[in-house]
Structure formats: C-alpha cells, structure tokens
Amino acid sequence: VQPDMYPGNCWAFKGSQGYLVVRLSMKIYPTAFTLEHIPKTLSPTGNITSAPRNFAVYGLDDEYQEEGKLLGEYVYDQDGEPLQMFPVMEKNEDAFQIVELRIFSNWGHVEYTCLYRFRVHGRPA
C-alpha cells in the first residue's frame, strides 16, 4: 500500500470486510499502527464512507497461520485527522515479521472499502 493521497488511488476491496497480510523486512516488537485515508475535503463526494471503521491487527508467526495474536482492536475516526495512529493494546512479548490488518466494517459504503496507507511501528527484535 503505497503513499498516494489522490482520491481513488487506494487499495480497495469489495464490501465492508476484508484483510491485508503484510510481511515486514525484519522481525519487530510492534508498538503502534498507522492507518491513513484521504480527508473529506479531498473527496469528490464530500464524504469518506469507504474509509475503514472497525478493525483489528494481529501478529502472525507465518502467513499460513489461521488466527494470530491479537495486538488491538480499533476504530478509525472519519472526522479525525487523515493519518491516525493506534498503539498496541494487548501486551505481549512476541516479535513478528508478519502482521494482519483485519477490517470489520467501513463508514457506510455498500460497494467497497478503500485503504490508502497502513504502517507498522515497532523496535527491531
């Protein structure tokens, strides 16, 4: 998911639920996550109903793992800043190289959900 804040230049998926699995360049101890969407002022419709709403982040031992370690559940605020940071909520001592972003809902768009940028912050293992 590359940094491009031009309306429509996003990673989109059908519906309001989906997931993204990211392999990091090294194992890290996650400390926070950043989710970014365009602001309402840049949206041609004046709203960002395609923005993720409820989501969770998991740490995985490998990409085939069905259920990872929950690192936190969050809500992206459509009225907040376009770039929002979420601290790891669930304490754990594990380092991860694979992180899953699981989106449970968006802000009301029935056809698709748009993700502009997702970042994982942490310290090297």
Protein backbone atom coordinates (compact mmCIF):
# COMPACT_ATOMS: atom_id res chain seq x y z
CA VAL A 1 0.00 0.00 0.00
CA GLN A 2 1.92 2.98 -1.28
CA PRO A 3 1.56 6.59 -0.13
CA ASP A 4 -0.73 8.26 -2.67
CA MET A 5 -3.41 10.60 -1.40
CA TYR A 6 -5.07 11.18 -4.77
CA PRO A 7 -8.78 10.28 -4.44
CA GLY A 8 -9.35 6.77 -5.75
CA ASN A 9 -5.67 5.74 -5.70
CA CYS A 10 -6.20 3.27 -2.90
CA TRP A 11 -6.14 -0.45 -2.22
CA ALA A 12 -9.84 -1.26 -2.47
CA PHE A 13 -11.71 -4.45 -1.73
CA LYS A 14 -15.33 -5.42 -2.31
CA GLY A 15 -17.72 -4.92 0.56
CA SER A 16 -17.03 -3.70 4.07
CA GLN A 17 -14.95 -6.61 5.40
CA GLY A 18 -11.51 -7.72 4.30
CA TYR A 19 -7.96 -8.28 5.38
CA LEU A 20 -4.41 -7.49 4.39
CA VAL A 21 -1.36 -9.52 5.42
CA VAL A 22 1.99 -7.69 5.38
CA ARG A 23 5.47 -9.22 5.62
CA LEU A 24 7.87 -6.75 7.23
CA SER A 25 11.55 -6.51 6.30
CA MET A 26 12.52 -7.86 9.75
CA LYS A 27 11.01 -9.20 12.97
CA ILE A 28 9.89 -6.39 15.25
CA TYR A 29 8.18 -5.86 18.58
CA PRO A 30 5.14 -3.86 17.39
CA THR A 31 4.34 -0.67 19.31
CA ALA A 32 1.74 1.08 17.10
CA PHE A 33 -0.04 1.11 13.74
CA THR A 34 -0.94 3.95 11.42
CA LEU A 35 -3.97 3.97 9.14
CA GLU A 36 -4.48 6.68 6.54
CA HIS A 37 -7.38 7.71 4.31
CA ILE A 38 -8.00 10.86 2.30
CA PRO A 39 -9.69 13.70 4.19
CA LYS A 40 -13.33 14.57 3.43
CA THR A 41 -12.12 17.82 1.84
CA LEU A 42 -10.31 15.88 -0.92
CA SER A 43 -13.20 13.51 -1.57
CA PRO A 44 -15.23 14.31 -4.72
CA THR A 45 -18.42 13.34 -2.82
CA GLY A 46 -17.51 15.27 0.35
CA ASN A 47 -17.65 12.10 2.44
CA ILE A 48 -15.36 9.16 3.15
CA THR A 49 -17.87 6.36 3.66
CA SER A 50 -15.38 3.93 2.04
CA ALA A 51 -12.89 4.51 4.89
CA PRO A 52 -12.30 1.60 7.29
CA ARG A 53 -14.21 1.92 10.56
CA ASN A 54 -13.74 -1.04 12.94
CA PHE A 55 -10.54 -3.02 12.56
CA ALA A 56 -8.08 -5.22 14.41
CA VAL A 57 -4.40 -6.01 13.98
CA TYR A 58 -2.81 -9.41 14.60
CA GLY A 59 0.77 -10.64 14.74
CA LEU A 60 1.40 -13.89 12.84
CA ASP A 61 4.19 -16.46 13.13
CA ASP A 62 3.78 -17.35 9.44
CA GLU A 63 1.44 -16.43 6.58
CA TYR A 64 -0.45 -19.73 6.87
CA GLN A 65 -1.46 -19.20 10.50
CA GLU A 66 -5.26 -19.05 10.78
CA GLU A 67 -5.53 -16.99 13.97
CA GLY A 68 -2.71 -14.72 15.02
CA LYS A 69 -2.03 -12.94 18.30
CA LEU A 70 -4.44 -10.02 18.76
CA LEU A 71 -2.48 -6.77 19.11
CA GLY A 72 -5.52 -4.48 19.36
CA GLU A 73 -8.99 -3.55 18.14
CA TYR A 74 -9.57 0.00 16.94
CA VAL A 75 -11.90 2.49 15.30
CA TYR A 76 -10.72 4.83 12.54
CA ASP A 77 -12.46 8.20 13.15
CA GLN A 78 -13.84 9.57 9.87
CA ASP A 79 -13.99 13.03 11.47
CA GLY A 80 -10.42 12.86 12.76
CA GLU A 81 -7.10 13.51 11.06
CA PRO A 82 -6.50 11.59 7.79
CA LEU A 83 -3.44 9.92 9.40
CA GLN A 84 -4.32 8.20 12.68
CA MET A 85 -2.00 6.26 14.98
CA PHE A 86 -3.14 3.39 17.19
CA PRO A 87 -0.95 1.98 19.99
CA VAL A 88 -0.64 -1.77 20.58
CA MET A 89 -3.36 -2.52 23.15
CA GLU A 90 -2.63 -6.15 24.01
CA LYS A 91 0.63 -6.62 25.89
CA ASN A 92 2.81 -9.40 24.56
CA GLU A 93 6.46 -10.36 24.47
CA ASP A 94 6.47 -11.75 20.92
CA ALA A 95 8.20 -10.29 17.90
CA PHE A 96 6.53 -10.61 14.50
CA GLN A 97 7.56 -10.28 10.88
CA ILE A 98 4.03 -10.82 9.57
CA VAL A 99 1.11 -8.57 10.53
CA GLU A 100 -2.55 -8.91 9.55
CA LEU A 101 -4.89 -5.93 9.29
CA ARG A 102 -8.47 -7.20 9.53
CA ILE A 103 -11.21 -4.72 8.66
CA PHE A 104 -14.66 -5.49 10.10
CA SER A 105 -16.64 -2.52 8.78
CA ASN A 106 -16.41 0.78 6.92
CA TRP A 107 -18.28 4.09 7.31
CA GLY A 108 -21.27 3.01 5.21
CA HIS A 109 -20.14 2.46 1.61
CA VAL A 110 -22.02 -0.61 0.39
CA GLU A 111 -19.80 -1.50 -2.59
CA TYR A 112 -16.21 -1.26 -1.37
CA THR A 113 -13.71 -0.20 1.30
CA CYS A 114 -10.63 1.89 0.48
CA LEU A 115 -7.29 1.75 2.26
CA TYR A 116 -4.72 4.42 1.41
CA ARG A 117 -1.89 3.57 3.77
CA PHE A 118 -1.14 1.16 6.61
CA ARG A 119 2.09 1.29 8.61
CA VAL A 120 3.50 -0.85 11.39
CA HIS A 121 5.73 0.79 14.01
CA GLY A 122 7.99 -1.03 16.43
CA ARG A 123 11.50 -1.82 17.53
CA PRO A 124 13.74 -4.44 15.91
CA ALA A 125 13.83 -7.85 17.57
